[in-house]
Amino acid sequence: MTESAKKVARQTEDRLDKVAENVRQGFERITKGRFTDEIKNGRFADQVDHGIDQGRAEVKRREQGGSER
């Protein structure tokens, strides 16, 4: 390869690296606030726990002869 061809190849590789990095950053920005990520991070954990506790309380009331819903 001639020196000018090597220089062009190096510049092209640098540009492609920059494009790839921009795409990666854009993808991270888009997927950062996804609903599934929020669930995985436990955002709705209190609500789920509350539902389970409420269900257990209803079963306990039924077993003790309390009113049914």
C-alpha atoms as a PDB file:
ATOM      1  CA  MET A   1       0.000   0.000   0.000  1.00  0.00           C
ATOM      2  CA  THR A   2       1.162   3.465  -0.692  1.00  0.00           C
ATOM      3  CA  GLU A   3       1.397   6.015   2.042  1.00  0.00           C
ATOM      4  CA  SER A   4      -1.634   7.946   0.783  1.00  0.00           C
ATOM      5  CA  ALA A   5      -3.746   4.763   0.743  1.00  0.00           C
ATOM      6  CA  LYS A   6      -2.652   3.943   4.307  1.00  0.00           C
ATOM      7  CA  LYS A   7      -3.570   7.468   5.390  1.00  0.00           C
ATOM      8  CA  VAL A   8      -7.032   7.213   3.811  1.00  0.00           C
ATOM      9  CA  ALA A   9      -7.573   3.772   5.390  1.00  0.00           C
ATOM     10  CA  ARG A  10      -6.569   5.131   8.827  1.00  0.00           C
ATOM     11  CA  GLN A  11      -8.905   8.115   8.481  1.00  0.00           C
ATOM     12  CA  THR A  12     -11.755   5.863   7.384  1.00  0.00           C
ATOM     13  CA  GLU A  13     -11.179   3.554  10.335  1.00  0.00           C
ATOM     14  CA  ASP A  14     -11.194   6.528  12.745  1.00  0.00           C
ATOM     15  CA  ARG A  15     -14.453   7.814  11.266  1.00  0.00           C
ATOM     16  CA  LEU A  16     -16.067   4.385  11.533  1.00  0.00           C
ATOM     17  CA  ASP A  17     -14.973   4.151  15.172  1.00  0.00           C
ATOM     18  CA  LYS A  18     -16.622   7.520  15.862  1.00  0.00           C
ATOM     19  CA  VAL A  19     -19.817   6.441  14.102  1.00  0.00           C
ATOM     20  CA  ALA A  20     -19.900   3.184  16.091  1.00  0.00           C
ATOM     21  CA  GLU A  21     -19.437   5.081  19.367  1.00  0.00           C
ATOM     22  CA  ASN A  22     -22.232   7.524  18.476  1.00  0.00           C
ATOM     23  CA  VAL A  23     -24.553   4.626  17.661  1.00  0.00           C
ATOM     24  CA  ARG A  24     -23.684   2.933  20.977  1.00  0.00           C
ATOM     25  CA  GLN A  25     -24.391   6.110  22.931  1.00  0.00           C
ATOM     26  CA  GLY A  26     -27.666   6.663  21.092  1.00  0.00           C
ATOM     27  CA  PHE A  27     -28.763   3.098  21.756  1.00  0.00           C
ATOM     28  CA  GLU A  28     -27.944   3.424  25.458  1.00  0.00           C
ATOM     29  CA  ARG A  29     -29.891   6.676  25.630  1.00  0.00           C
ATOM     30  CA  ILE A  30     -32.926   5.118  23.952  1.00  0.00           C
ATOM     31  CA  THR A  31     -32.957   1.944  26.038  1.00  0.00           C
ATOM     32  CA  LYS A  32     -32.054   3.563  29.353  1.00  0.00           C
ATOM     33  CA  GLY A  33     -35.595   4.412  30.448  1.00  0.00           C
ATOM     34  CA  ARG A  34     -37.313   1.282  29.181  1.00  0.00           C
ATOM     35  CA  PHE A  35     -40.194  -0.090  31.200  1.00  0.00           C
ATOM     36  CA  THR A  36     -38.552  -3.512  31.585  1.00  0.00           C
ATOM     37  CA  ASP A  37     -35.407  -1.884  32.967  1.00  0.00           C
ATOM     38  CA  GLU A  38     -37.490  -0.076  35.565  1.00  0.00           C
ATOM     39  CA  ILE A  39     -39.110  -3.342  36.602  1.00  0.00           C
ATOM     40  CA  LYS A  40     -35.728  -5.072  36.823  1.00  0.00           C
ATOM     41  CA  ASN A  41     -34.447  -2.245  39.001  1.00  0.00           C
ATOM     42  CA  GLY A  42     -37.341  -2.749  41.423  1.00  0.00           C
ATOM     43  CA  ARG A  43     -39.338   0.384  40.729  1.00  0.00           C
ATOM     44  CA  PHE A  44     -42.635  -1.410  41.230  1.00  0.00           C
ATOM     45  CA  ALA A  45     -41.482  -3.740  44.016  1.00  0.00           C
ATOM     46  CA  ASP A  46     -43.548  -1.997  46.701  1.00  0.00           C
ATOM     47  CA  GLN A  47     -46.733  -2.305  44.668  1.00  0.00           C
ATOM     48  CA  VAL A  48     -46.167  -6.010  44.040  1.00  0.00           C
ATOM     49  CA  ASP A  49     -45.405  -6.655  47.697  1.00  0.00           C
ATOM     50  CA  HIS A  50     -48.542  -4.791  48.707  1.00  0.00           C
ATOM     51  CA  GLY A  51     -50.653  -6.994  46.427  1.00  0.00           C
ATOM     52  CA  ILE A  52     -49.180 -10.170  47.865  1.00  0.00           C
ATOM     53  CA  ASP A  53     -49.730  -8.940  51.426  1.00  0.00           C
ATOM     54  CA  GLN A  54     -53.308  -7.993  50.610  1.00  0.00           C
ATOM     55  CA  GLY A  55     -53.963 -11.436  49.105  1.00  0.00           C
ATOM     56  CA  ARG A  56     -52.555 -13.171  52.165  1.00  0.00           C
ATOM     57  CA  ALA A  57     -54.718 -11.035  54.461  1.00  0.00           C
ATOM     58  CA  GLU A  58     -57.833 -11.971  52.469  1.00  0.00           C
ATOM     59  CA  VAL A  59     -57.030 -15.682  52.708  1.00  0.00           C
ATOM     60  CA  LYS A  60     -56.447 -15.355  56.437  1.00  0.00           C
ATOM     61  CA  ARG A  61     -59.815 -13.582  56.914  1.00  0.00           C
ATOM     62  CA  ARG A  62     -61.594 -16.289  54.928  1.00  0.00           C
ATOM     63  CA  GLU A  63     -59.960 -19.026  56.990  1.00  0.00           C
ATOM     64  CA  GLN A  64     -61.025 -17.316  60.198  1.00  0.00           C
ATOM     65  CA  GLY A  65     -64.608 -16.958  58.971  1.00  0.00           C
ATOM     66  CA  GLY A  66     -64.443 -13.262  58.125  1.00  0.00           C
ATOM     67  CA  SER A  67     -66.356 -11.579  55.339  1.00  0.00           C
ATOM     68  CA  GLU A  68     -65.540 -12.501  51.760  1.00  0.00           C
ATOM     69  CA  ARG A  69     -65.028  -9.946  49.056  1.00  0.00           C
END
